[in-house]
Amino acid sequence: MSPRQDFLPLTHGRQTFGCSNCGTHYIVFPPSTEYISTMLEPCPRVDYQKSFYDCIKCKHRNMFYWHKRHREDRLLLSV
């Protein structure tokens, strides 16, 4: 294993966000391959995973939610 491999995420699908306090950009990766998108509000189906990111510039705690893809979402995308 190369020295940098221990820093690589185990999942794909990175998302870029800005701190809600100072705007500093940061990159997050899903906790597992089940989760495909992020939102600032929880999913009504309650199958989300809450995550936090502490901004490295201002130390503000940013909260977001990872959502799974639902069958209805796939149907809407195919129309």
N, C-alpha and C. Protein backbone atom coordinates (compact mmCIF):
# COMPACT_ATOMS: atom_id res chain seq x y z
N MET A 1 0.85 -1.18 0.00
CA MET A 1 0.00 0.00 0.00
C MET A 1 0.89 1.23 0.00
N SER A 2 0.57 2.19 -0.88
CA SER A 2 1.36 3.42 -0.93
C SER A 2 1.05 4.28 0.30
N PRO A 3 1.93 5.18 0.65
CA PRO A 3 1.71 6.00 1.84
C PRO A 3 0.44 6.85 1.77
N ARG A 4 -0.02 7.22 0.57
CA ARG A 4 -1.22 8.06 0.44
C ARG A 4 -2.52 7.27 0.43
N GLN A 5 -2.48 5.97 0.23
CA GLN A 5 -3.71 5.20 0.10
C GLN A 5 -4.55 5.20 1.37
N ASP A 6 -3.93 5.37 2.52
CA ASP A 6 -4.73 5.36 3.74
C ASP A 6 -5.58 6.62 3.87
N PHE A 7 -5.36 7.63 3.01
CA PHE A 7 -6.16 8.85 3.05
C PHE A 7 -7.29 8.83 2.03
N LEU A 8 -7.30 7.86 1.13
CA LEU A 8 -8.32 7.80 0.10
C LEU A 8 -9.63 7.26 0.66
N PRO A 9 -10.77 7.83 0.24
CA PRO A 9 -12.05 7.33 0.73
C PRO A 9 -12.34 5.94 0.19
N LEU A 10 -13.19 5.22 0.88
CA LEU A 10 -13.57 3.87 0.45
C LEU A 10 -14.79 3.89 -0.47
N THR A 11 -15.41 5.05 -0.65
CA THR A 11 -16.58 5.16 -1.51
C THR A 11 -16.33 6.21 -2.58
N HIS A 12 -17.18 6.20 -3.62
CA HIS A 12 -17.11 7.17 -4.70
C HIS A 12 -18.28 8.12 -4.57
N GLY A 13 -18.29 9.17 -5.34
CA GLY A 13 -19.43 10.09 -5.37
C GLY A 13 -19.21 11.33 -4.53
N ARG A 14 -18.04 11.90 -4.65
CA ARG A 14 -17.75 13.06 -3.82
C ARG A 14 -18.69 14.22 -4.12
N GLN A 15 -18.93 15.02 -3.12
CA GLN A 15 -19.76 16.21 -3.21
C GLN A 15 -18.95 17.38 -2.67
N THR A 16 -19.12 18.55 -3.26
CA THR A 16 -18.43 19.75 -2.80
C THR A 16 -19.44 20.69 -2.16
N PHE A 17 -19.09 21.20 -1.00
CA PHE A 17 -19.94 22.13 -0.27
C PHE A 17 -19.16 23.34 0.15
N GLY A 18 -19.88 24.37 0.57
CA GLY A 18 -19.26 25.54 1.17
C GLY A 18 -19.76 25.67 2.59
N CYS A 19 -18.89 26.10 3.47
CA CYS A 19 -19.27 26.31 4.87
C CYS A 19 -20.42 27.32 4.90
N SER A 20 -21.46 27.05 5.67
CA SER A 20 -22.60 27.96 5.74
C SER A 20 -22.27 29.24 6.50
N ASN A 21 -21.14 29.26 7.18
CA ASN A 21 -20.73 30.45 7.93
C ASN A 21 -19.76 31.33 7.15
N CYS A 22 -18.69 30.74 6.58
CA CYS A 22 -17.65 31.55 5.92
C CYS A 22 -17.49 31.26 4.43
N GLY A 23 -18.12 30.19 3.91
CA GLY A 23 -18.06 29.88 2.49
C GLY A 23 -16.87 29.03 2.06
N THR A 24 -15.99 28.65 2.97
CA THR A 24 -14.84 27.82 2.62
C THR A 24 -15.33 26.50 2.03
N HIS A 25 -14.76 26.11 0.90
CA HIS A 25 -15.18 24.87 0.23
C HIS A 25 -14.55 23.65 0.89
N TYR A 26 -15.31 22.56 0.91
CA TYR A 26 -14.80 21.29 1.39
C TYR A 26 -15.45 20.17 0.60
N ILE A 27 -14.79 19.04 0.57
CA ILE A 27 -15.26 17.87 -0.19
C ILE A 27 -15.64 16.78 0.80
N VAL A 28 -16.79 16.17 0.58
CA VAL A 28 -17.24 15.06 1.43
C VAL A 28 -17.51 13.85 0.54
N PHE A 29 -17.38 12.68 1.13
CA PHE A 29 -17.65 11.42 0.44
C PHE A 29 -18.75 10.68 1.17
N PRO A 30 -19.59 9.94 0.45
CA PRO A 30 -20.68 9.21 1.10
C PRO A 30 -20.15 8.15 2.08
N PRO A 31 -20.93 7.88 3.12
CA PRO A 31 -20.52 6.89 4.11
C PRO A 31 -20.54 5.46 3.57
N SER A 32 -21.33 5.21 2.53
CA SER A 32 -21.36 3.90 1.88
C SER A 32 -21.91 4.08 0.47
N THR A 33 -21.87 3.04 -0.32
CA THR A 33 -22.36 3.13 -1.71
C THR A 33 -23.88 3.22 -1.78
N GLU A 34 -24.58 2.98 -0.70
CA GLU A 34 -26.04 3.11 -0.67
C GLU A 34 -26.49 4.57 -0.79
N TYR A 35 -25.67 5.48 -0.32
CA TYR A 35 -26.04 6.89 -0.28
C TYR A 35 -25.47 7.60 -1.49
N ILE A 36 -26.34 8.34 -2.21
CA ILE A 36 -25.93 8.90 -3.49
C ILE A 36 -25.95 10.41 -3.55
N SER A 37 -26.67 11.05 -2.66
CA SER A 37 -26.75 12.51 -2.74
C SER A 37 -26.80 13.11 -1.35
N THR A 38 -26.51 14.40 -1.30
CA THR A 38 -26.52 15.12 -0.04
C THR A 38 -27.52 16.26 -0.12
N MET A 39 -28.11 16.55 1.02
CA MET A 39 -29.04 17.68 1.13
C MET A 39 -28.87 18.31 2.49
N LEU A 40 -29.40 19.50 2.61
CA LEU A 40 -29.33 20.19 3.90
C LEU A 40 -30.50 19.86 4.80
N GLU A 41 -31.48 19.15 4.27
CA GLU A 41 -32.65 18.71 5.04
C GLU A 41 -32.74 17.20 5.04
N PRO A 42 -33.28 16.59 6.10
CA PRO A 42 -33.42 15.13 6.12
C PRO A 42 -34.49 14.64 5.15
N CYS A 43 -34.32 13.42 4.71
CA CYS A 43 -35.27 12.77 3.80
C CYS A 43 -36.57 12.46 4.56
N PRO A 44 -37.73 12.69 3.95
CA PRO A 44 -38.99 12.37 4.62
C PRO A 44 -39.14 10.87 4.93
N ARG A 45 -38.41 10.03 4.22
CA ARG A 45 -38.50 8.59 4.44
C ARG A 45 -37.69 8.12 5.65
N VAL A 46 -36.94 8.97 6.23
CA VAL A 46 -36.13 8.69 7.41
C VAL A 46 -35.12 7.56 7.16
N ASP A 47 -34.59 7.51 5.95
CA ASP A 47 -33.53 6.53 5.66
C ASP A 47 -32.24 7.26 5.30
N TYR A 48 -32.07 8.41 5.88
CA TYR A 48 -30.89 9.24 5.63
C TYR A 48 -29.82 8.98 6.69
N GLN A 49 -28.65 9.51 6.45
CA GLN A 49 -27.59 9.46 7.45
C GLN A 49 -27.09 10.88 7.68
N LYS A 50 -27.22 11.33 8.92
CA LYS A 50 -26.78 12.68 9.27
C LYS A 50 -25.26 12.72 9.37
N SER A 51 -24.66 13.78 8.82
CA SER A 51 -23.21 13.94 8.87
C SER A 51 -22.86 15.37 9.25
N PHE A 52 -21.66 15.53 9.77
CA PHE A 52 -21.17 16.84 10.17
C PHE A 52 -19.82 17.09 9.55
N TYR A 53 -19.51 18.36 9.35
CA TYR A 53 -18.17 18.75 8.93
C TYR A 53 -17.81 20.02 9.68
N ASP A 54 -16.71 19.98 10.42
CA ASP A 54 -16.23 21.17 11.12
C ASP A 54 -15.29 21.93 10.18
N CYS A 55 -15.64 23.17 9.84
CA CYS A 55 -14.86 23.98 8.91
C CYS A 55 -13.45 24.19 9.46
N ILE A 56 -12.47 24.00 8.60
CA ILE A 56 -11.08 24.16 9.04
C ILE A 56 -10.69 25.63 9.20
N LYS A 57 -11.46 26.53 8.58
CA LYS A 57 -11.13 27.96 8.68
C LYS A 57 -11.79 28.63 9.88
N CYS A 58 -13.11 28.47 10.02
CA CYS A 58 -13.83 29.18 11.09
C CYS A 58 -14.32 28.27 12.21
N LYS A 59 -14.14 26.96 12.07
CA LYS A 59 -14.54 25.96 13.07
C LYS A 59 -16.05 25.78 13.21
N HIS A 60 -16.82 26.37 12.29
CA HIS A 60 -18.28 26.21 12.32
C HIS A 60 -18.65 24.77 11.98
N ARG A 61 -19.59 24.19 12.71
CA ARG A 61 -20.05 22.83 12.43
C ARG A 61 -21.16 22.88 11.38
N ASN A 62 -20.90 22.27 10.23
CA ASN A 62 -21.87 22.19 9.14
C ASN A 62 -22.54 20.83 9.18
N MET A 63 -23.86 20.82 9.07
CA MET A 63 -24.61 19.56 9.11
C MET A 63 -25.27 19.34 7.75
N PHE A 64 -25.25 18.09 7.28
CA PHE A 64 -25.92 17.73 6.04
C PHE A 64 -26.37 16.29 6.15
N TYR A 65 -27.17 15.85 5.19
CA TYR A 65 -27.77 14.52 5.23
C TYR A 65 -27.47 13.77 3.93
N TRP A 66 -27.03 12.54 4.05
CA TRP A 66 -26.84 11.67 2.89
C TRP A 66 -28.15 10.93 2.64
N HIS A 67 -28.58 10.90 1.38
CA HIS A 67 -29.84 10.26 1.00
C HIS A 67 -29.59 9.07 0.08
N LYS A 68 -30.47 8.09 0.21
CA LYS A 68 -30.45 6.94 -0.69
C LYS A 68 -31.32 7.25 -1.90
N ARG A 69 -31.08 6.55 -3.00
CA ARG A 69 -31.95 6.68 -4.16
C ARG A 69 -33.17 5.79 -3.93
N HIS A 70 -34.34 6.34 -4.22
CA HIS A 70 -35.57 5.58 -4.06
C HIS A 70 -36.12 5.21 -5.43
N ARG A 71 -36.91 4.18 -5.46
CA ARG A 71 -37.49 3.71 -6.72
C ARG A 71 -38.23 4.84 -7.43
N GLU A 72 -38.98 5.65 -6.67
CA GLU A 72 -39.74 6.76 -7.25
C GLU A 72 -38.81 7.77 -7.91
N ASP A 73 -37.62 7.97 -7.34
CA ASP A 73 -36.66 8.89 -7.93
C ASP A 73 -36.23 8.42 -9.30
N ARG A 74 -36.00 7.12 -9.44
CA ARG A 74 -35.60 6.56 -10.74
C ARG A 74 -36.72 6.71 -11.76
N LEU A 75 -37.97 6.53 -11.32
CA LEU A 75 -39.10 6.68 -12.22
C LEU A 75 -39.24 8.11 -12.71
N LEU A 76 -39.03 9.08 -11.82
CA LEU A 76 -39.12 10.48 -12.22
C LEU A 76 -38.02 10.85 -13.20
N LEU A 77 -36.84 10.30 -13.02
CA LEU A 77 -35.73 10.61 -13.90
C LEU A 77 -35.91 10.02 -15.29
N SER A 78 -36.69 8.95 -15.40
CA SER A 78 -36.87 8.30 -16.69
C SER A 78 -37.98 8.92 -17.53
N VAL A 79 -38.77 9.81 -16.97
CA VAL A 79 -39.89 10.43 -17.69
C VAL A 79 -39.40 11.49 -18.62
